[in-house]
Amino acid sequence: MNICGCLVHVAPERAAELLPVLEAVDGVEVHTQTEDGRFVVVVEDIEARPASETIMTLHTIPGVISLTLTYHHFEDLAESPEPSSQSDQPTDGGQTHEHF
């Protein structure tokens, strides 16, 4: 699983025109936009291409001024650790932190 949070800045006068263009890109979800032409989007890997290629595609859309990666989460689901068993819990009353 590969999730990228991005800030896409477009020419404000083209924002209404570019919203459906951004939403039409596979692997892209627009969460919000501002009046000055900024969109908060999430880009995810899809079967056809990784998120990094989708981000590069967004850069090439006419009217896009800039795209900034603001958050990135990667998790290899095939190699995720199995849930810990009760025997992994401390016996001295201490606390542990699990990593997801």
Foldseek 3Di string as FASTA:
>chain_A
DKKWKKKWAFQLVCQVVCVVVQVPQPQKDWDDADNRGITIIMGQQDPVGGSVVVVVVSVPPPGTPDMDTDDIDDDDPVPDDDDDDPVPDDPVPDDDDDDD
